Amino acid sequence: MNKYVNIENVAMRFETKKGTFEALRDINLTIAEGEFVSLIGHSGCGKSTLLNLIAGLTLPSDGYLFCNGREIAGPGPDRGVVFQNHSLLPWLTCFDNVYLAVERVFGDKETKKQLQERTHAALKLVGLTHATHKYPKEISGGMKQRVGIARALAMKPQVLLMDEPFGALDALTRAHLQDELLKIVADTKATVVMVTHDVDEAVLLSDRIVMMTNGPSATIGEILTVDLAKPRDRMQLANDAHYHHLRSVVLEFLYKKHLRPAA
């Protein structure tokens, strides 16, 4: 498999009124093409900081990040981002929110009809064909997140970056969207990096779980390979002994070993 994301000796420091704050140190990670990787850890461990570095929204104090062989020096259409807050423009319809992103990436290469077809295809992928002409105020929180996912996928990114995309949703809606994401990832063969606090979500969705030590100076403590067969069914996994073993490994790290990286 191609190595899509390479993170080499990355550190991130911020200047504050109290002096230099080191958020991350010694981050080394390789993510393969088509792999789903979750970043998990306690609040303040630098998960979102690391995701922002991969997105190019911030640049590292030390080290290098690469996407598909090119150094990450800023945001780019090769990396689509889905935030916890859907960030939809309230005066645009669902279609227009997605179309705006499509036009920015493909506007100088494709006809208007092709851009429209690309937008419709993205909305269909997340099951929102019926909401094409609705405005954000007219749809539920879960549907807004779907639009955000459609907008990111419509740009055909090499890597989909997700920062707790379901964290603000109720449990049933969150479970439904997790299942939808499993199908979308299977259909698109997307490479995904997701920040989460939810252990069950991480085990259900991921190929590997990157467990972060506590900050400041957070780093990668352990990496767990989730060797569960795909496609995954949450109802079947509910009684799967290996699923519960993997879940317990993450919980043990979070509550017993999170203060120190693995030797």
C-alpha atoms as a PDB file:
ATOM      1  CA  MET A   1       0.000   0.000   0.000  1.00  0.00           C
ATOM      2  CA  ASN A   2       1.154   3.536  -0.751  1.00  0.00           C
ATOM      3  CA  LYS A   3       2.180   5.639   2.202  1.00  0.00           C
ATOM      4  CA  TYR A   4      -0.106   8.660   1.924  1.00  0.00           C
ATOM      5  CA  VAL A   5       0.769  10.542   5.088  1.00  0.00           C
ATOM      6  CA  ASN A   6       4.220  10.655   6.662  1.00  0.00           C
ATOM      7  CA  ILE A   7       4.862  12.516   9.915  1.00  0.00           C
ATOM      8  CA  GLU A   8       8.540  12.752  10.807  1.00  0.00           C
ATOM      9  CA  ASN A   9       9.913  13.988  14.150  1.00  0.00           C
ATOM     10  CA  VAL A  10       7.178  16.583  14.516  1.00  0.00           C
ATOM     11  CA  ALA A  11       6.935  18.932  17.484  1.00  0.00           C
ATOM     12  CA  MET A  12       4.516  21.795  18.023  1.00  0.00           C
ATOM     13  CA  ARG A  13       5.163  24.718  20.365  1.00  0.00           C
ATOM     14  CA  PHE A  14       3.069  27.801  21.055  1.00  0.00           C
ATOM     15  CA  GLU A  15       4.196  31.087  22.573  1.00  0.00           C
ATOM     16  CA  THR A  16       1.989  32.148  25.498  1.00  0.00           C
ATOM     17  CA  LYS A  17       2.091  34.888  28.131  1.00  0.00           C
ATOM     18  CA  LYS A  18       3.653  32.347  30.489  1.00  0.00           C
ATOM     19  CA  GLY A  19       6.305  31.339  27.987  1.00  0.00           C
ATOM     20  CA  THR A  20       6.675  28.516  25.477  1.00  0.00           C
ATOM     21  CA  PHE A  21       4.073  25.749  25.631  1.00  0.00           C
ATOM     22  CA  GLU A  22       5.046  22.452  23.990  1.00  0.00           C
ATOM     23  CA  ALA A  23       1.869  20.743  22.810  1.00  0.00           C
ATOM     24  CA  LEU A  24       3.436  17.872  20.852  1.00  0.00           C
ATOM     25  CA  ARG A  25       6.868  16.252  20.695  1.00  0.00           C
ATOM     26  CA  ASP A  26       8.535  13.414  18.785  1.00  0.00           C
ATOM     27  CA  ILE A  27       5.540  12.546  16.607  1.00  0.00           C
ATOM     28  CA  ASN A  28       6.382   9.867  14.052  1.00  0.00           C
ATOM     29  CA  LEU A  29       3.572   8.206  12.138  1.00  0.00           C
ATOM     30  CA  THR A  30       2.963   6.709   8.698  1.00  0.00           C
ATOM     31  CA  ILE A  31      -0.560   6.263   7.341  1.00  0.00           C
ATOM     32  CA  ALA A  32      -1.155   4.027   4.329  1.00  0.00           C
ATOM     33  CA  GLU A  33      -3.455   4.662   1.402  1.00  0.00           C
ATOM     34  CA  GLY A  34      -6.995   3.550   2.245  1.00  0.00           C
ATOM     35  CA  GLU A  35      -6.268   3.224   5.961  1.00  0.00           C
ATOM     36  CA  PHE A  36      -8.617   4.509   8.672  1.00  0.00           C
ATOM     37  CA  VAL A  37      -6.649   5.826  11.651  1.00  0.00           C
ATOM     38  CA  SER A  38      -8.165   7.254  14.832  1.00  0.00           C
ATOM     39  CA  LEU A  39      -6.366   9.571  17.237  1.00  0.00           C
ATOM     40  CA  ILE A  40      -7.555   9.108  20.809  1.00  0.00           C
ATOM     41  CA  GLY A  41      -6.529  10.454  24.185  1.00  0.00           C
ATOM     42  CA  HIS A  42      -7.599  12.700  27.034  1.00  0.00           C
ATOM     43  CA  SER A  43      -8.506  16.349  26.482  1.00  0.00           C
ATOM     44  CA  GLY A  44      -5.424  18.483  25.928  1.00  0.00           C
ATOM     45  CA  CYS A  45      -3.300  15.676  24.503  1.00  0.00           C
ATOM     46  CA  GLY A  46      -2.855  17.394  21.153  1.00  0.00           C
ATOM     47  CA  LYS A  47      -5.152  15.275  18.979  1.00  0.00           C
ATOM     48  CA  SER A  48      -6.721  18.261  17.207  1.00  0.00           C
ATOM     49  CA  THR A  49      -3.339  19.986  17.025  1.00  0.00           C
ATOM     50  CA  LEU A  50      -1.946  16.984  15.144  1.00  0.00           C
ATOM     51  CA  LEU A  51      -4.973  16.897  12.837  1.00  0.00           C
ATOM     52  CA  ASN A  52      -4.540  20.623  12.109  1.00  0.00           C
ATOM     53  CA  LEU A  53      -0.902  19.980  11.232  1.00  0.00           C
ATOM     54  CA  ILE A  54      -1.909  17.291   8.731  1.00  0.00           C
ATOM     55  CA  ALA A  55      -4.536  19.677   7.339  1.00  0.00           C
ATOM     56  CA  GLY A  56      -1.877  22.358   6.940  1.00  0.00           C
ATOM     57  CA  LEU A  57      -3.866  24.803   9.070  1.00  0.00           C
ATOM     58  CA  THR A  58      -0.772  25.173  11.267  1.00  0.00           C
ATOM     59  CA  LEU A  59       2.883  24.414  10.563  1.00  0.00           C
ATOM     60  CA  PRO A  60       5.126  22.382  12.891  1.00  0.00           C
ATOM     61  CA  SER A  61       7.783  23.947  15.093  1.00  0.00           C
ATOM     62  CA  ASP A  62      10.065  21.023  14.231  1.00  0.00           C
ATOM     63  CA  GLY A  63       9.884  18.119  11.826  1.00  0.00           C
ATOM     64  CA  TYR A  64       8.088  17.494   8.554  1.00  0.00           C
ATOM     65  CA  LEU A  65       4.733  16.268   7.298  1.00  0.00           C
ATOM     66  CA  PHE A  66       4.131  14.830   3.832  1.00  0.00           C
ATOM     67  CA  CYS A  67       0.986  13.901   1.902  1.00  0.00           C
ATOM     68  CA  ASN A  68       1.479  11.605  -1.080  1.00  0.00           C
ATOM     69  CA  GLY A  69       5.168  12.526  -1.257  1.00  0.00           C
ATOM     70  CA  ARG A  70       4.686  16.297  -1.069  1.00  0.00           C
ATOM     71  CA  GLU A  71       5.547  18.339   1.982  1.00  0.00           C
ATOM     72  CA  ILE A  72       2.507  19.845   3.692  1.00  0.00           C
ATOM     73  CA  ALA A  73       3.036  23.608   3.667  1.00  0.00           C
ATOM     74  CA  GLY A  74      -0.576  24.752   4.003  1.00  0.00           C
ATOM     75  CA  PRO A  75      -4.191  23.703   3.336  1.00  0.00           C
ATOM     76  CA  GLY A  76      -4.940  21.980   0.042  1.00  0.00           C
ATOM     77  CA  PRO A  77      -7.717  20.122  -1.817  1.00  0.00           C
ATOM     78  CA  ASP A  78      -5.800  16.870  -1.340  1.00  0.00           C
ATOM     79  CA  ARG A  79      -6.945  17.003   2.313  1.00  0.00           C
ATOM     80  CA  GLY A  80     -10.643  17.435   3.109  1.00  0.00           C
ATOM     81  CA  VAL A  81     -11.594  18.454   6.649  1.00  0.00           C
ATOM     82  CA  VAL A  82     -14.802  17.747   8.579  1.00  0.00           C
ATOM     83  CA  PHE A  83     -15.088  19.582  11.903  1.00  0.00           C
ATOM     84  CA  GLN A  84     -17.369  18.909  14.880  1.00  0.00           C
ATOM     85  CA  ASN A  85     -19.115  22.126  13.943  1.00  0.00           C
ATOM     86  CA  HIS A  86     -20.416  21.517  10.421  1.00  0.00           C
ATOM     87  CA  SER A  87     -19.446  25.095   9.382  1.00  0.00           C
ATOM     88  CA  LEU A  88     -22.198  25.349   6.770  1.00  0.00           C
ATOM     89  CA  LEU A  89     -23.078  28.769   5.382  1.00  0.00           C
ATOM     90  CA  PRO A  90     -26.658  29.369   6.589  1.00  0.00           C
ATOM     91  CA  TRP A  91     -27.695  31.429   3.555  1.00  0.00           C
ATOM     92  CA  LEU A  92     -26.840  28.632   1.120  1.00  0.00           C
ATOM     93  CA  THR A  93     -28.780  25.431   0.460  1.00  0.00           C
ATOM     94  CA  CYS A  94     -27.220  22.012   1.076  1.00  0.00           C
ATOM     95  CA  PHE A  95     -26.481  21.805  -2.650  1.00  0.00           C
ATOM     96  CA  ASP A  96     -24.871  25.238  -2.768  1.00  0.00           C
ATOM     97  CA  ASN A  97     -22.737  24.577   0.328  1.00  0.00           C
ATOM     98  CA  VAL A  98     -21.228  21.570  -1.430  1.00  0.00           C
ATOM     99  CA  TYR A  99     -21.137  23.241  -4.861  1.00  0.00           C
ATOM    100  CA  LEU A 100     -19.130  26.158  -3.475  1.00  0.00           C
ATOM    101  CA  ALA A 101     -16.320  23.798  -2.441  1.00  0.00           C
ATOM    102  CA  VAL A 102     -16.501  21.866  -5.718  1.00  0.00           C
ATOM    103  CA  GLU A 103     -16.307  25.066  -7.748  1.00  0.00           C
ATOM    104  CA  ARG A 104     -13.215  26.246  -5.871  1.00  0.00           C
ATOM    105  CA  VAL A 105     -11.361  23.001  -6.570  1.00  0.00           C
ATOM    106  CA  PHE A 106     -12.600  22.080 -10.060  1.00  0.00           C
ATOM    107  CA  GLY A 107     -14.031  25.354 -11.376  1.00  0.00           C
ATOM    108  CA  ASP A 108     -11.242  25.994 -13.871  1.00  0.00           C
ATOM    109  CA  LYS A 109     -11.198  22.386 -15.142  1.00  0.00           C
ATOM    110  CA  GLU A 110     -14.836  21.369 -15.532  1.00  0.00           C
ATOM    111  CA  THR A 111     -18.067  22.715 -17.011  1.00  0.00           C
ATOM    112  CA  LYS A 112     -20.899  23.932 -14.793  1.00  0.00           C
ATOM    113  CA  LYS A 113     -22.831  20.760 -15.617  1.00  0.00           C
ATOM    114  CA  GLN A 114     -19.911  18.603 -14.487  1.00  0.00           C
ATOM    115  CA  LEU A 115     -19.610  20.596 -11.265  1.00  0.00           C
ATOM    116  CA  GLN A 116     -23.331  20.136 -10.614  1.00  0.00           C
ATOM    117  CA  GLU A 117     -23.082  16.395 -11.305  1.00  0.00           C
ATOM    118  CA  ARG A 118     -20.149  16.123  -8.899  1.00  0.00           C
ATOM    119  CA  THR A 119     -22.181  17.947  -6.232  1.00  0.00           C
ATOM    120  CA  HIS A 120     -25.248  15.756  -6.719  1.00  0.00           C
ATOM    121  CA  ALA A 121     -23.068  12.619  -6.540  1.00  0.00           C
ATOM    122  CA  ALA A 122     -21.567  13.717  -3.218  1.00  0.00           C
ATOM    123  CA  LEU A 123     -24.987  14.404  -1.694  1.00  0.00           C
ATOM    124  CA  LYS A 124     -26.244  11.039  -2.962  1.00  0.00           C
ATOM    125  CA  LEU A 125     -23.244   9.330  -1.353  1.00  0.00           C
ATOM    126  CA  VAL A 126     -24.308  10.587   2.093  1.00  0.00           C
ATOM    127  CA  GLY A 127     -28.017   9.929   1.472  1.00  0.00           C
ATOM    128  CA  LEU A 128     -29.133  13.546   1.165  1.00  0.00           C
ATOM    129  CA  THR A 129     -30.585  13.730  -2.347  1.00  0.00           C
ATOM    130  CA  HIS A 130     -33.942  14.637  -0.807  1.00  0.00           C
ATOM    131  CA  ALA A 131     -32.441  17.612   1.052  1.00  0.00           C
ATOM    132  CA  THR A 132     -30.693  19.206  -1.925  1.00  0.00           C
ATOM    133  CA  HIS A 133     -32.665  22.458  -1.781  1.00  0.00           C
ATOM    134  CA  LYS A 134     -33.037  22.726   1.982  1.00  0.00           C
ATOM    135  CA  TYR A 135     -31.193  25.309   4.072  1.00  0.00           C
ATOM    136  CA  PRO A 136     -29.144  24.368   7.170  1.00  0.00           C
ATOM    137  CA  LYS A 137     -31.859  25.714   9.506  1.00  0.00           C
ATOM    138  CA  GLU A 138     -34.328  23.277   7.924  1.00  0.00           C
ATOM    139  CA  ILE A 139     -32.370  20.081   8.625  1.00  0.00           C
ATOM    140  CA  SER A 140     -31.213  18.163  11.713  1.00  0.00           C
ATOM    141  CA  GLY A 141     -27.764  18.210  13.277  1.00  0.00           C
ATOM    142  CA  GLY A 142     -26.986  14.791  11.848  1.00  0.00           C
ATOM    143  CA  MET A 143     -27.980  15.910   8.357  1.00  0.00           C
ATOM    144  CA  LYS A 144     -25.793  19.004   8.679  1.00  0.00           C
ATOM    145  CA  GLN A 145     -22.828  16.763   9.456  1.00  0.00           C
ATOM    146  CA  ARG A 146     -23.653  14.690   6.391  1.00  0.00           C
ATOM    147  CA  VAL A 147     -23.524  17.835   4.273  1.00  0.00           C
ATOM    148  CA  GLY A 148     -20.128  18.609   5.810  1.00  0.00           C
ATOM    149  CA  ILE A 149     -18.921  15.119   4.920  1.00  0.00           C
ATOM    150  CA  ALA A 150     -20.359  15.439   1.394  1.00  0.00           C
ATOM    151  CA  ARG A 151     -18.596  18.785   0.957  1.00  0.00           C
ATOM    152  CA  ALA A 152     -15.266  17.254   1.962  1.00  0.00           C
ATOM    153  CA  LEU A 153     -15.715  14.135  -0.184  1.00  0.00           C
ATOM    154  CA  ALA A 154     -16.829  16.152  -3.220  1.00  0.00           C
ATOM    155  CA  MET A 155     -13.325  17.609  -3.483  1.00  0.00           C
ATOM    156  CA  LYS A 156     -11.972  14.079  -3.995  1.00  0.00           C
ATOM    157  CA  PRO A 157      -9.331  14.491  -1.273  1.00  0.00           C
ATOM    158  CA  GLN A 158      -6.499  12.024  -0.896  1.00  0.00           C
ATOM    159  CA  VAL A 159      -7.056  12.169   2.857  1.00  0.00           C
ATOM    160  CA  LEU A 160     -10.268  12.842   4.797  1.00  0.00           C
ATOM    161  CA  LEU A 161      -9.570  14.519   8.152  1.00  0.00           C
ATOM    162  CA  MET A 162     -12.327  14.411  10.769  1.00  0.00           C
ATOM    163  CA  ASP A 163     -12.239  16.235  14.120  1.00  0.00           C
ATOM    164  CA  GLU A 164     -14.824  14.557  16.367  1.00  0.00           C
ATOM    165  CA  PRO A 165     -17.406  14.775  13.576  1.00  0.00           C
ATOM    166  CA  PHE A 166     -20.148  13.088  15.617  1.00  0.00           C
ATOM    167  CA  GLY A 167     -19.248  14.411  19.062  1.00  0.00           C
ATOM    168  CA  ALA A 168     -22.148  16.881  19.315  1.00  0.00           C
ATOM    169  CA  LEU A 169     -24.844  14.425  18.210  1.00  0.00           C
ATOM    170  CA  ASP A 170     -27.180  12.249  20.252  1.00  0.00           C
ATOM    171  CA  ALA A 171     -26.238   8.584  20.659  1.00  0.00           C
ATOM    172  CA  LEU A 172     -28.665   7.167  18.063  1.00  0.00           C
ATOM    173  CA  THR A 173     -27.772   9.733  15.403  1.00  0.00           C
ATOM    174  CA  ARG A 174     -24.079   9.211  16.115  1.00  0.00           C
ATOM    175  CA  ALA A 175     -24.414   5.440  15.719  1.00  0.00           C
ATOM    176  CA  HIS A 176     -26.317   5.839  12.453  1.00  0.00           C
ATOM    177  CA  LEU A 177     -23.686   8.183  10.994  1.00  0.00           C
ATOM    178  CA  GLN A 178     -20.870   5.892  12.118  1.00  0.00           C
ATOM    179  CA  ASP A 179     -22.519   3.077  10.154  1.00  0.00           C
ATOM    180  CA  GLU A 180     -22.947   5.392   7.156  1.00  0.00           C
ATOM    181  CA  LEU A 181     -19.286   6.399   7.371  1.00  0.00           C
ATOM    182  CA  LEU A 182     -18.256   2.733   7.297  1.00  0.00           C
ATOM    183  CA  LYS A 183     -20.175   2.325   4.016  1.00  0.00           C
ATOM    184  CA  ILE A 184     -18.817   5.562   2.519  1.00  0.00           C
ATOM    185  CA  VAL A 185     -15.217   4.637   3.344  1.00  0.00           C
ATOM    186  CA  ALA A 186     -15.740   1.173   1.841  1.00  0.00           C
ATOM    187  CA  ASP A 187     -17.207   2.702  -1.334  1.00  0.00           C
ATOM    188  CA  THR A 188     -14.631   5.477  -1.768  1.00  0.00           C
ATOM    189  CA  LYS A 189     -11.544   3.638  -0.449  1.00  0.00           C
ATOM    190  CA  ALA A 190     -10.799   6.899   1.385  1.00  0.00           C
ATOM    191  CA  THR A 191      -7.796   7.413   3.636  1.00  0.00           C
ATOM    192  CA  VAL A 192      -9.180   8.775   6.910  1.00  0.00           C
ATOM    193  CA  VAL A 193      -7.646  10.327  10.029  1.00  0.00           C
ATOM    194  CA  MET A 194     -10.228  10.939  12.759  1.00  0.00           C
ATOM    195  CA  VAL A 195      -9.969  12.543  16.198  1.00  0.00           C
ATOM    196  CA  THR A 196     -12.297  10.981  18.760  1.00  0.00           C
ATOM    197  CA  HIS A 197     -12.886  10.639  22.498  1.00  0.00           C
ATOM    198  CA  ASP A 198     -15.157   7.631  21.941  1.00  0.00           C
ATOM    199  CA  VAL A 199     -13.444   4.257  22.445  1.00  0.00           C
ATOM    200  CA  ASP A 200     -16.277   2.267  20.843  1.00  0.00           C
ATOM    201  CA  GLU A 201     -16.259   4.582  17.829  1.00  0.00           C
ATOM    202  CA  ALA A 202     -12.508   4.167  17.424  1.00  0.00           C
ATOM    203  CA  VAL A 203     -12.659   0.363  17.576  1.00  0.00           C
ATOM    204  CA  LEU A 204     -15.678   0.136  15.264  1.00  0.00           C
ATOM    205  CA  LEU A 205     -14.269   2.364  12.522  1.00  0.00           C
ATOM    206  CA  SER A 206     -10.486   2.101  12.624  1.00  0.00           C
ATOM    207  CA  ASP A 207      -7.755  -0.014  11.113  1.00  0.00           C
ATOM    208  CA  ARG A 208      -5.371   1.416  13.711  1.00  0.00           C
ATOM    209  CA  ILE A 209      -5.863   3.480  16.859  1.00  0.00           C
ATOM    210  CA  VAL A 210      -3.122   5.961  17.775  1.00  0.00           C
ATOM    211  CA  MET A 211      -3.208   6.528  21.539  1.00  0.00           C
ATOM    212  CA  MET A 212      -1.766   9.846  22.717  1.00  0.00           C
ATOM    213  CA  THR A 213      -0.110  10.485  26.067  1.00  0.00           C
ATOM    214  CA  ASN A 214      -1.295  13.381  28.202  1.00  0.00           C
ATOM    215  CA  GLY A 215      -0.073  16.898  27.470  1.00  0.00           C
ATOM    216  CA  PRO A 216       1.850  19.034  27.682  1.00  0.00           C
ATOM    217  CA  SER A 217       4.583  17.566  25.467  1.00  0.00           C
ATOM    218  CA  ALA A 218       2.166  14.872  24.342  1.00  0.00           C
ATOM    219  CA  THR A 219       3.411  12.134  22.046  1.00  0.00           C
ATOM    220  CA  ILE A 220       2.271   8.785  20.690  1.00  0.00           C
ATOM    221  CA  GLY A 221       2.045   6.284  23.522  1.00  0.00           C
ATOM    222  CA  GLU A 222       0.842   3.155  21.741  1.00  0.00           C
ATOM    223  CA  ILE A 223      -0.613   2.172  18.380  1.00  0.00           C
ATOM    224  CA  LEU A 224      -3.224  -0.598  18.310  1.00  0.00           C
ATOM    225  CA  THR A 225      -4.024  -2.561  15.153  1.00  0.00           C
ATOM    226  CA  VAL A 226      -7.765  -3.280  14.967  1.00  0.00           C
ATOM    227  CA  ASP A 227      -7.747  -6.671  13.260  1.00  0.00           C
ATOM    228  CA  LEU A 228     -11.513  -7.076  12.947  1.00  0.00           C
ATOM    229  CA  ALA A 229     -12.871  -8.306   9.633  1.00  0.00           C
ATOM    230  CA  LYS A 230     -14.673  -5.881   7.327  1.00  0.00           C
ATOM    231  CA  PRO A 231     -17.423  -5.028   6.661  1.00  0.00           C
ATOM    232  CA  ARG A 232     -18.203  -4.523  10.346  1.00  0.00           C
ATOM    233  CA  ASP A 233     -21.609  -4.816  11.950  1.00  0.00           C
ATOM    234  CA  ARG A 234     -22.060  -3.194  15.347  1.00  0.00           C
ATOM    235  CA  MET A 235     -24.722  -5.696  16.421  1.00  0.00           C
ATOM    236  CA  GLN A 236     -22.457  -8.654  15.685  1.00  0.00           C
ATOM    237  CA  LEU A 237     -19.511  -6.987  17.398  1.00  0.00           C
ATOM    238  CA  ALA A 238     -21.574  -6.444  20.548  1.00  0.00           C
ATOM    239  CA  ASN A 239     -20.988 -10.110  21.409  1.00  0.00           C
ATOM    240  CA  ASP A 240     -17.543 -10.471  19.845  1.00  0.00           C
ATOM    241  CA  ALA A 241     -14.858 -11.350  22.410  1.00  0.00           C
ATOM    242  CA  HIS A 242     -12.015  -9.917  20.326  1.00  0.00           C
ATOM    243  CA  TYR A 243     -13.851  -6.611  19.905  1.00  0.00           C
ATOM    244  CA  HIS A 244     -14.153  -6.358  23.680  1.00  0.00           C
ATOM    245  CA  HIS A 245     -10.481  -7.256  24.086  1.00  0.00           C
ATOM    246  CA  LEU A 246      -9.453  -4.430  21.724  1.00  0.00           C
ATOM    247  CA  ARG A 247     -11.767  -2.052  23.544  1.00  0.00           C
ATOM    248  CA  SER A 248     -10.206  -3.004  26.890  1.00  0.00           C
ATOM    249  CA  VAL A 249      -6.681  -2.392  25.536  1.00  0.00           C
ATOM    250  CA  VAL A 250      -7.620   1.200  24.660  1.00  0.00           C
ATOM    251  CA  LEU A 251      -9.389   1.739  27.987  1.00  0.00           C
ATOM    252  CA  GLU A 252      -6.403   0.384  29.896  1.00  0.00           C
ATOM    253  CA  PHE A 253      -4.090   2.805  28.107  1.00  0.00           C
ATOM    254  CA  LEU A 254      -6.396   5.781  28.699  1.00  0.00           C
ATOM    255  CA  TYR A 255      -6.893   5.118  32.382  1.00  0.00           C
ATOM    256  CA  LYS A 256      -3.632   3.461  33.438  1.00  0.00           C
ATOM    257  CA  LYS A 257      -0.821   4.110  30.969  1.00  0.00           C
ATOM    258  CA  HIS A 258      -1.627   7.456  29.388  1.00  0.00           C
ATOM    259  CA  LEU A 259       1.042   9.417  31.278  1.00  0.00           C
ATOM    260  CA  ARG A 260       4.001   7.762  29.613  1.00  0.00           C
ATOM    261  CA  PRO A 261       4.835   6.586  26.098  1.00  0.00           C
ATOM    262  CA  ALA A 262       5.606   2.956  25.415  1.00  0.00           C
ATOM    263  CA  ALA A 263       9.272   2.014  25.623  1.00  0.00           C
END
